[in-house]
């Protein structure tokens, strides 16, 4: 028999396997990845919301510092800093824990979570007595930039979480 006369045809391969529709395993991985991304976005949103008070307080502190540089009234600045720290701490902790604190207890509360005690044994101590002086009292011995830095450190540092 002559090989040229044989009724043979070329081999035809099947169509390549397409990528669509996806196998169930891929759908599971896509759902898992989407869930993970949504969870991360939700956590980032919650963290950004919690930091809103801190951002607003630091912005207010910068405004108060600018006002102090214009008028130089340390007593007025101390009153405003005292009110700002009180309002900010009330946003972080329960009212019952903070509203009644005065004097040493208030300064000790402000030092919670800070690397060093800047309120009990540092420049932040002026926050206890300076707001109650006369409006134009002599404040030459008060280190106002250090007081502002102490308040800025307190406002920028989150309170430690309470473990019950």
N, C-alpha and C. Protein backbone atom coordinates (compact mmCIF):
# COMPACT_ATOMS: atom_id res chain seq x y z
N UNK A 1 0.82 -1.15 0.00
CA UNK A 1 0.00 0.00 0.00
C UNK A 1 0.88 1.24 0.00
N UNK A 2 0.46 2.20 -0.75
CA UNK A 2 1.20 3.44 -0.91
C UNK A 2 0.83 4.38 0.23
N UNK A 3 1.81 4.87 1.05
CA UNK A 3 1.48 5.73 2.20
C UNK A 3 0.82 7.03 1.80
N UNK A 4 0.97 7.46 0.58
CA UNK A 4 0.34 8.73 0.17
C UNK A 4 -1.15 8.53 -0.10
N UNK A 5 -1.59 7.35 -0.30
CA UNK A 5 -3.00 7.08 -0.60
C UNK A 5 -3.80 6.67 0.63
N UNK A 6 -3.16 6.62 1.77
CA UNK A 6 -3.88 6.25 2.99
C UNK A 6 -4.80 7.39 3.43
N UNK A 7 -5.96 7.08 3.92
CA UNK A 7 -6.91 8.13 4.34
C UNK A 7 -6.58 8.64 5.76
N UNK A 8 -5.42 9.23 5.94
CA UNK A 8 -5.01 9.75 7.24
C UNK A 8 -5.19 11.27 7.28
N UNK A 9 -5.53 11.73 8.43
CA UNK A 9 -5.65 13.19 8.62
C UNK A 9 -4.74 13.62 9.76
N UNK A 10 -4.48 14.96 9.84
CA UNK A 10 -3.63 15.48 10.92
C UNK A 10 -4.33 15.30 12.26
N UNK A 11 -3.52 15.20 13.29
CA UNK A 11 -4.07 15.11 14.63
C UNK A 11 -4.62 16.48 15.04
N UNK A 12 -5.78 16.48 15.63
CA UNK A 12 -6.39 17.71 16.11
C UNK A 12 -6.42 17.64 17.64
N UNK A 13 -5.72 18.60 18.28
CA UNK A 13 -5.67 18.66 19.74
C UNK A 13 -6.94 19.33 20.25
N UNK A 14 -7.37 18.99 21.46
CA UNK A 14 -8.55 19.66 22.02
C UNK A 14 -8.25 21.13 22.31
N UNK A 15 -9.31 21.92 22.44
CA UNK A 15 -9.16 23.34 22.75
C UNK A 15 -8.45 23.48 24.10
N UNK A 16 -7.59 24.47 24.25
CA UNK A 16 -6.94 24.66 25.56
C UNK A 16 -7.99 25.02 26.62
N UNK A 17 -7.71 24.62 27.83
CA UNK A 17 -8.63 24.88 28.93
C UNK A 17 -8.61 26.38 29.23
N UNK A 18 -9.76 27.01 29.26
CA UNK A 18 -9.87 28.44 29.51
C UNK A 18 -9.79 28.77 31.00
N UNK A 19 -9.54 30.01 31.27
CA UNK A 19 -9.44 30.42 32.67
C UNK A 19 -10.80 30.74 33.25
N UNK A 20 -11.80 30.82 32.42
CA UNK A 20 -13.14 31.13 32.90
C UNK A 20 -14.08 29.99 32.58
N UNK A 21 -14.92 29.58 33.39
CA UNK A 21 -15.22 30.00 34.75
C UNK A 21 -14.16 29.49 35.73
N UNK A 22 -13.99 30.26 36.78
CA UNK A 22 -13.00 29.92 37.77
C UNK A 22 -13.43 28.69 38.58
N UNK A 23 -12.44 27.96 39.01
CA UNK A 23 -12.70 26.81 39.86
C UNK A 23 -13.13 27.30 41.24
N UNK A 24 -13.85 26.48 42.00
CA UNK A 24 -14.33 26.91 43.33
C UNK A 24 -13.20 27.33 44.27
N UNK A 25 -12.05 26.75 44.17
CA UNK A 25 -10.92 27.13 45.02
C UNK A 25 -10.50 28.57 44.80
N UNK A 26 -10.52 29.02 43.54
CA UNK A 26 -10.17 30.41 43.26
C UNK A 26 -11.20 31.37 43.84
N UNK A 27 -12.48 30.99 43.75
CA UNK A 27 -13.53 31.84 44.33
C UNK A 27 -13.35 31.96 45.84
N UNK A 28 -12.96 30.87 46.48
CA UNK A 28 -12.71 30.89 47.92
C UNK A 28 -11.54 31.83 48.23
N UNK A 29 -10.46 31.75 47.46
CA UNK A 29 -9.31 32.63 47.70
C UNK A 29 -9.67 34.10 47.47
N UNK A 30 -10.47 34.37 46.46
CA UNK A 30 -10.89 35.75 46.19
C UNK A 30 -11.75 36.27 47.34
N UNK A 31 -12.67 35.46 47.83
CA UNK A 31 -13.52 35.86 48.95
C UNK A 31 -12.68 36.07 50.21
N UNK A 32 -11.71 35.21 50.44
CA UNK A 32 -10.84 35.35 51.60
C UNK A 32 -10.01 36.63 51.51
N UNK A 33 -9.45 36.91 50.34
CA UNK A 33 -8.66 38.13 50.16
C UNK A 33 -9.54 39.38 50.31
N UNK A 34 -10.75 39.36 49.76
CA UNK A 34 -11.65 40.51 49.88
C UNK A 34 -12.05 40.73 51.34
N UNK A 35 -12.30 39.65 52.06
CA UNK A 35 -12.64 39.77 53.48
C UNK A 35 -11.47 40.36 54.26
N UNK A 36 -10.27 39.90 53.97
CA UNK A 36 -9.08 40.44 54.64
C UNK A 36 -8.88 41.91 54.35
N UNK A 37 -9.06 42.31 53.12
CA UNK A 37 -8.89 43.73 52.76
C UNK A 37 -9.96 44.58 53.44
N UNK A 38 -11.20 44.10 53.46
CA UNK A 38 -12.27 44.86 54.13
C UNK A 38 -12.00 44.97 55.63
N UNK A 39 -11.50 43.92 56.24
CA UNK A 39 -11.19 43.96 57.67
C UNK A 39 -10.07 44.97 57.94
N UNK A 40 -9.03 44.98 57.10
CA UNK A 40 -7.94 45.95 57.27
C UNK A 40 -8.43 47.38 57.08
N UNK A 41 -9.29 47.60 56.11
CA UNK A 41 -9.85 48.94 55.90
C UNK A 41 -10.69 49.37 57.09
N UNK A 42 -11.48 48.46 57.63
CA UNK A 42 -12.31 48.77 58.79
C UNK A 42 -11.44 49.13 59.99
N UNK A 43 -10.36 48.37 60.23
CA UNK A 43 -9.44 48.66 61.34
C UNK A 43 -8.76 50.02 61.15
N UNK A 44 -8.34 50.31 59.92
CA UNK A 44 -7.70 51.60 59.65
C UNK A 44 -8.69 52.74 59.89
N UNK A 45 -9.94 52.55 59.48
CA UNK A 45 -10.97 53.58 59.69
C UNK A 45 -11.20 53.81 61.18
N UNK A 46 -11.30 52.73 61.96
CA UNK A 46 -11.50 52.87 63.40
C UNK A 46 -10.33 53.58 64.05
N UNK A 47 -9.13 53.25 63.64
CA UNK A 47 -7.94 53.89 64.20
C UNK A 47 -7.91 55.37 63.83
N UNK A 48 -8.28 55.69 62.60
CA UNK A 48 -8.31 57.09 62.18
C UNK A 48 -9.37 57.86 62.96
N UNK A 49 -10.52 57.23 63.21
CA UNK A 49 -11.58 57.88 63.99
C UNK A 49 -11.12 58.13 65.43
N UNK A 50 -10.44 57.14 66.04
CA UNK A 50 -9.96 57.31 67.41
C UNK A 50 -8.91 58.41 67.49
N UNK A 51 -8.14 58.59 66.44
CA UNK A 51 -7.09 59.60 66.45
C UNK A 51 -7.63 60.99 66.12
N UNK A 52 -8.90 61.11 65.81
CA UNK A 52 -9.47 62.42 65.46
C UNK A 52 -9.36 63.39 66.62
N UNK A 53 -9.63 62.93 67.84
CA UNK A 53 -9.54 63.80 69.02
C UNK A 53 -8.11 64.30 69.16
N UNK A 54 -7.15 63.41 68.97
CA UNK A 54 -5.74 63.78 69.09
C UNK A 54 -5.36 64.83 68.05
N UNK A 55 -5.80 64.64 66.82
CA UNK A 55 -5.48 65.61 65.76
C UNK A 55 -6.08 66.98 66.07
N UNK A 56 -7.32 66.99 66.52
CA UNK A 56 -7.98 68.25 66.84
C UNK A 56 -7.29 68.94 68.01
N UNK A 57 -6.94 68.17 69.04
CA UNK A 57 -6.29 68.73 70.22
C UNK A 57 -4.92 69.31 69.87
N UNK A 58 -4.15 68.62 69.04
CA UNK A 58 -2.83 69.13 68.65
C UNK A 58 -2.95 70.38 67.78
N UNK A 59 -3.98 70.43 66.97
CA UNK A 59 -4.23 71.64 66.17
C UNK A 59 -4.58 72.82 67.07
N UNK A 60 -5.41 72.56 68.08
CA UNK A 60 -5.77 73.60 69.05
C UNK A 60 -4.55 74.04 69.84
N UNK A 61 -3.69 73.11 70.21
CA UNK A 61 -2.46 73.45 70.94
C UNK A 61 -1.57 74.36 70.10
N UNK A 62 -1.44 74.08 68.82
CA UNK A 62 -0.65 74.95 67.94
C UNK A 62 -1.24 76.35 67.88
N UNK A 63 -2.57 76.43 67.86
CA UNK A 63 -3.22 77.75 67.84
C UNK A 63 -2.94 78.50 69.15
N UNK A 64 -3.04 77.80 70.28
CA UNK A 64 -2.78 78.44 71.58
C UNK A 64 -1.32 78.89 71.68
N UNK A 65 -0.42 78.09 71.15
CA UNK A 65 0.98 78.46 71.17
C UNK A 65 1.23 79.72 70.34
N UNK A 66 0.56 79.82 69.19
CA UNK A 66 0.67 81.02 68.36
C UNK A 66 0.11 82.25 69.07
N UNK A 67 -1.01 82.08 69.79
CA UNK A 67 -1.58 83.19 70.56
C UNK A 67 -0.62 83.63 71.66
N UNK A 68 0.03 82.66 72.32
CA UNK A 68 0.98 83.00 73.38
C UNK A 68 2.18 83.77 72.81
N UNK A 69 2.63 83.38 71.65
CA UNK A 69 3.76 84.09 71.06
C UNK A 69 3.40 85.53 70.70
N UNK A 70 2.13 85.80 70.46
CA UNK A 70 1.70 87.15 70.15
C UNK A 70 1.53 88.00 71.41
N UNK A 71 0.86 87.44 72.44
CA UNK A 71 0.57 88.28 73.61
C UNK A 71 1.50 88.02 74.80
N UNK A 72 2.14 86.87 74.88
CA UNK A 72 3.11 86.60 75.95
C UNK A 72 2.49 86.39 77.31
N UNK A 73 1.21 86.13 77.41
CA UNK A 73 0.53 85.95 78.69
C UNK A 73 0.58 84.47 79.09
N UNK A 74 1.51 84.13 79.98
CA UNK A 74 1.70 82.74 80.38
C UNK A 74 0.54 82.22 81.22
N UNK A 75 -0.08 83.08 82.03
CA UNK A 75 -1.18 82.65 82.88
C UNK A 75 -2.39 82.28 82.01
N UNK A 76 -2.70 83.12 81.03
CA UNK A 76 -3.81 82.81 80.12
C UNK A 76 -3.52 81.53 79.35
N UNK A 77 -2.29 81.35 78.90
CA UNK A 77 -1.91 80.14 78.20
C UNK A 77 -2.09 78.92 79.10
N UNK A 78 -1.67 79.02 80.36
CA UNK A 78 -1.80 77.89 81.29
C UNK A 78 -3.27 77.54 81.52
N UNK A 79 -4.14 78.54 81.59
CA UNK A 79 -5.57 78.28 81.75
C UNK A 79 -6.11 77.53 80.53
N UNK A 80 -5.70 77.99 79.37
CA UNK A 80 -6.17 77.36 78.14
C UNK A 80 -5.60 75.95 77.99
N UNK A 81 -4.33 75.76 78.37
CA UNK A 81 -3.72 74.43 78.30
C UNK A 81 -4.40 73.47 79.28
N UNK A 82 -4.72 73.97 80.47
CA UNK A 82 -5.40 73.15 81.46
C UNK A 82 -6.76 72.70 80.94
N UNK A 83 -7.51 73.62 80.37
CA UNK A 83 -8.83 73.28 79.82
C UNK A 83 -8.69 72.31 78.64
N UNK A 84 -7.70 72.52 77.80
CA UNK A 84 -7.50 71.65 76.64
C UNK A 84 -7.14 70.23 77.07
N UNK A 85 -6.23 70.10 78.03
CA UNK A 85 -5.87 68.75 78.48
C UNK A 85 -7.06 68.07 79.15
N UNK A 86 -7.83 68.80 79.92
CA UNK A 86 -9.00 68.21 80.60
C UNK A 86 -10.01 67.72 79.56
N UNK A 87 -10.32 68.57 78.58
CA UNK A 87 -11.29 68.18 77.54
C UNK A 87 -10.79 66.97 76.74
N UNK A 88 -9.51 66.97 76.42
CA UNK A 88 -8.98 65.87 75.63
C UNK A 88 -8.98 64.57 76.42
N UNK A 89 -8.59 64.61 77.67
CA UNK A 89 -8.57 63.39 78.48
C UNK A 89 -9.99 62.88 78.73
N UNK A 90 -10.97 63.78 78.80
CA UNK A 90 -12.36 63.35 78.94
C UNK A 90 -12.84 62.60 77.70
N UNK A 91 -12.23 62.91 76.56
CA UNK A 91 -12.59 62.19 75.33
C UNK A 91 -11.99 60.80 75.31
N UNK A 92 -10.91 60.57 76.06
CA UNK A 92 -10.23 59.27 76.05
C UNK A 92 -10.69 58.34 77.15
N UNK A 93 -11.03 58.85 78.30
CA UNK A 93 -11.33 58.00 79.46
C UNK A 93 -12.72 58.36 79.99
N UNK A 94 -13.30 57.48 80.79
CA UNK A 94 -14.64 57.75 81.34
C UNK A 94 -14.65 59.00 82.22
N UNK A 95 -15.74 59.73 82.14
CA UNK A 95 -15.91 60.98 82.89
C UNK A 95 -15.72 60.77 84.39
N UNK A 96 -16.21 59.65 84.92
CA UNK A 96 -16.10 59.39 86.35
C UNK A 96 -14.64 59.24 86.80
N UNK A 97 -13.79 58.78 85.91
CA UNK A 97 -12.38 58.59 86.25
C UNK A 97 -11.60 59.90 86.24
N UNK A 98 -12.07 60.90 85.51
CA UNK A 98 -11.29 62.12 85.28
C UNK A 98 -11.88 63.36 85.90
N UNK A 99 -13.18 63.52 85.86
CA UNK A 99 -13.82 64.78 86.23
C UNK A 99 -13.47 65.24 87.64
N UNK A 100 -13.31 64.35 88.57
CA UNK A 100 -13.03 64.74 89.95
C UNK A 100 -11.56 64.87 90.29
N UNK A 101 -10.68 64.59 89.36
CA UNK A 101 -9.24 64.64 89.66
C UNK A 101 -8.75 66.08 89.73
N UNK A 102 -7.99 66.39 90.77
CA UNK A 102 -7.37 67.70 90.92
C UNK A 102 -5.99 67.50 91.54
N UNK A 103 -5.18 68.53 91.46
CA UNK A 103 -3.88 68.53 92.13
C UNK A 103 -2.97 67.40 91.70
N UNK A 104 -2.38 66.74 92.70
CA UNK A 104 -1.41 65.67 92.44
C UNK A 104 -2.04 64.50 91.70
N UNK A 105 -3.29 64.19 92.01
CA UNK A 105 -3.96 63.07 91.34
C UNK A 105 -4.12 63.35 89.85
N UNK A 106 -4.44 64.60 89.52
CA UNK A 106 -4.59 64.98 88.11
C UNK A 106 -3.24 64.91 87.40
N UNK A 107 -2.19 65.41 88.03
CA UNK A 107 -0.86 65.35 87.42
C UNK A 107 -0.40 63.91 87.26
N UNK A 108 -0.68 63.06 88.24
CA UNK A 108 -0.31 61.65 88.12
C UNK A 108 -1.08 60.97 86.98
N UNK A 109 -2.35 61.36 86.82
CA UNK A 109 -3.12 60.81 85.71
C UNK A 109 -2.53 61.23 84.38
N UNK A 110 -2.11 62.49 84.28
CA UNK A 110 -1.53 62.98 83.03
C UNK A 110 -0.21 62.29 82.70
N UNK A 111 0.49 61.80 83.71
CA UNK A 111 1.76 61.10 83.47
C UNK A 111 1.58 59.65 83.04
N UNK A 112 0.37 59.12 83.14
CA UNK A 112 0.15 57.71 82.77
C UNK A 112 0.49 57.48 81.31
N UNK A 113 1.35 56.50 81.08
CA UNK A 113 1.70 56.12 79.71
C UNK A 113 2.82 56.94 79.10
N UNK A 114 3.32 57.94 79.80
CA UNK A 114 4.43 58.74 79.27
C UNK A 114 5.75 58.10 79.68
N UNK A 115 6.80 58.27 78.88
CA UNK A 115 8.08 57.64 79.21
C UNK A 115 8.71 58.19 80.49
N UNK A 116 8.46 59.45 80.81
CA UNK A 116 9.00 60.03 82.05
C UNK A 116 7.92 60.92 82.66
N UNK A 117 7.95 61.12 83.98
CA UNK A 117 6.91 61.92 84.64
C UNK A 117 7.13 63.42 84.42
N UNK A 118 6.57 63.96 83.37
CA UNK A 118 6.76 65.38 83.05
C UNK A 118 5.76 66.27 83.77
N UNK A 119 4.73 65.69 84.37
CA UNK A 119 3.75 66.51 85.08
C UNK A 119 3.97 66.48 86.59
N UNK A 120 4.23 65.33 87.15
CA UNK A 120 4.45 65.24 88.60
C UNK A 120 5.80 65.83 88.98
N UNK A 121 6.83 65.57 88.18
CA UNK A 121 8.18 66.00 88.54
C UNK A 121 8.87 66.69 87.36
N UNK A 122 8.15 67.49 86.63
CA UNK A 122 8.75 68.16 85.48
C UNK A 122 8.08 69.49 85.19
N UNK A 123 8.27 69.99 83.99
CA UNK A 123 7.71 71.30 83.65
C UNK A 123 6.18 71.33 83.62
N UNK A 124 5.55 70.17 83.48
CA UNK A 124 4.10 70.12 83.47
C UNK A 124 3.49 70.41 84.83
N UNK A 125 4.31 70.43 85.86
CA UNK A 125 3.83 70.72 87.22
C UNK A 125 3.22 72.13 87.28
N UNK A 126 3.69 73.02 86.43
CA UNK A 126 3.14 74.39 86.40
C UNK A 126 1.66 74.40 86.01
N UNK A 127 1.18 73.33 85.41
CA UNK A 127 -0.22 73.27 85.01
C UNK A 127 -1.14 73.22 86.23
N UNK A 128 -0.59 72.88 87.39
CA UNK A 128 -1.39 72.80 88.61
C UNK A 128 -1.64 74.18 89.23
N UNK A 129 -0.63 75.05 89.25
CA UNK A 129 -0.77 76.32 89.97
C UNK A 129 -0.81 77.54 89.06
N UNK A 130 -0.18 77.48 87.92
CA UNK A 130 -0.09 78.66 87.05
C UNK A 130 -1.45 79.20 86.59
N UNK A 131 -2.44 78.38 86.28
CA UNK A 131 -3.72 78.94 85.85
C UNK A 131 -4.44 79.77 86.91
N UNK A 132 -4.04 79.64 88.18
CA UNK A 132 -4.74 80.32 89.27
C UNK A 132 -4.02 81.58 89.73
N UNK A 133 -2.98 81.98 89.05
CA UNK A 133 -2.29 83.22 89.39
C UNK A 133 -3.04 84.40 88.79
N UNK A 134 -2.64 85.59 89.23
CA UNK A 134 -3.24 86.81 88.67
C UNK A 134 -2.89 86.90 87.18
N UNK A 135 -3.74 87.57 86.43
CA UNK A 135 -3.60 87.63 84.97
C UNK A 135 -2.22 88.09 84.52
N UNK A 136 -1.67 89.11 85.13
CA UNK A 136 -0.36 89.63 84.73
C UNK A 136 0.69 89.39 85.82
N UNK A 137 0.63 88.23 86.47
CA UNK A 137 1.60 87.90 87.52
C UNK A 137 2.98 87.66 86.90
N UNK A 138 3.99 87.73 87.74
CA UNK A 138 5.36 87.50 87.29
C UNK A 138 5.53 86.00 87.00
N UNK A 139 5.81 85.68 85.76
CA UNK A 139 5.98 84.28 85.36
C UNK A 139 7.36 84.06 84.75
N UNK A 140 8.33 84.84 85.18
CA UNK A 140 9.68 84.73 84.61
C UNK A 140 10.32 83.38 84.93
N UNK A 141 9.99 82.80 86.09
CA UNK A 141 10.61 81.53 86.48
C UNK A 141 9.94 80.33 85.79
N UNK A 142 8.84 80.53 85.08
CA UNK A 142 8.11 79.44 84.42
C UNK A 142 8.72 79.19 83.04
N UNK A 143 9.05 77.95 82.77
CA UNK A 143 9.58 77.55 81.46
C UNK A 143 8.39 77.20 80.56
N UNK A 144 7.86 78.22 79.89
CA UNK A 144 6.64 78.05 79.09
C UNK A 144 6.87 77.09 77.91
N UNK A 145 7.98 77.20 77.17
CA UNK A 145 8.17 76.23 76.08
C UNK A 145 8.21 74.78 76.57
N UNK A 146 8.78 74.54 77.76
CA UNK A 146 8.80 73.18 78.30
C UNK A 146 7.40 72.74 78.71
N UNK A 147 6.60 73.67 79.22
CA UNK A 147 5.21 73.36 79.58
C UNK A 147 4.42 72.99 78.33
N UNK A 148 4.60 73.76 77.27
CA UNK A 148 3.91 73.46 76.01
C UNK A 148 4.37 72.11 75.47
N UNK A 149 5.67 71.82 75.57
CA UNK A 149 6.19 70.54 75.09
C UNK A 149 5.61 69.38 75.91
N UNK A 150 5.45 69.58 77.23
CA UNK A 150 4.88 68.53 78.07
C UNK A 150 3.42 68.27 77.68
N UNK A 151 2.66 69.33 77.47
CA UNK A 151 1.26 69.16 77.08
C UNK A 151 1.18 68.52 75.69
N UNK A 152 2.07 68.92 74.79
CA UNK A 152 2.08 68.33 73.46
C UNK A 152 2.39 66.83 73.53
N UNK A 153 3.34 66.47 74.40
CA UNK A 153 3.67 65.06 74.57
C UNK A 153 2.47 64.28 75.11
N UNK A 154 1.75 64.87 76.08
CA UNK A 154 0.58 64.20 76.64
C UNK A 154 -0.51 64.03 75.59
N UNK A 155 -0.74 65.06 74.80
CA UNK A 155 -1.80 64.99 73.80
C UNK A 155 -1.44 64.03 72.67
N UNK A 156 -0.17 63.93 72.33
CA UNK A 156 0.26 63.08 71.23
C UNK A 156 0.39 61.62 71.62
N UNK A 157 0.49 61.33 72.92
CA UNK A 157 0.68 59.96 73.39
C UNK A 157 -0.65 59.38 73.86
N UNK A 158 -1.09 58.28 73.27
CA UNK A 158 -2.36 57.68 73.71
C UNK A 158 -2.27 57.17 75.14
N UNK A 159 -3.38 57.20 75.83
CA UNK A 159 -3.43 56.63 77.18
C UNK A 159 -3.26 55.12 77.09
N UNK A 160 -2.60 54.53 78.08
CA UNK A 160 -2.48 53.06 78.05
C UNK A 160 -3.84 52.41 78.28
N UNK A 161 -4.04 51.27 77.66
CA UNK A 161 -5.30 50.54 77.82
C UNK A 161 -5.37 49.94 79.21
N UNK A 162 -6.50 50.07 79.84
CA UNK A 162 -6.71 49.51 81.17
C UNK A 162 -7.00 48.02 81.05
N UNK A 163 -6.33 47.23 81.85
CA UNK A 163 -6.57 45.78 81.90
C UNK A 163 -7.37 45.48 83.17
N UNK A 164 -8.50 44.84 83.01
CA UNK A 164 -9.34 44.51 84.17
C UNK A 164 -9.22 43.03 84.48
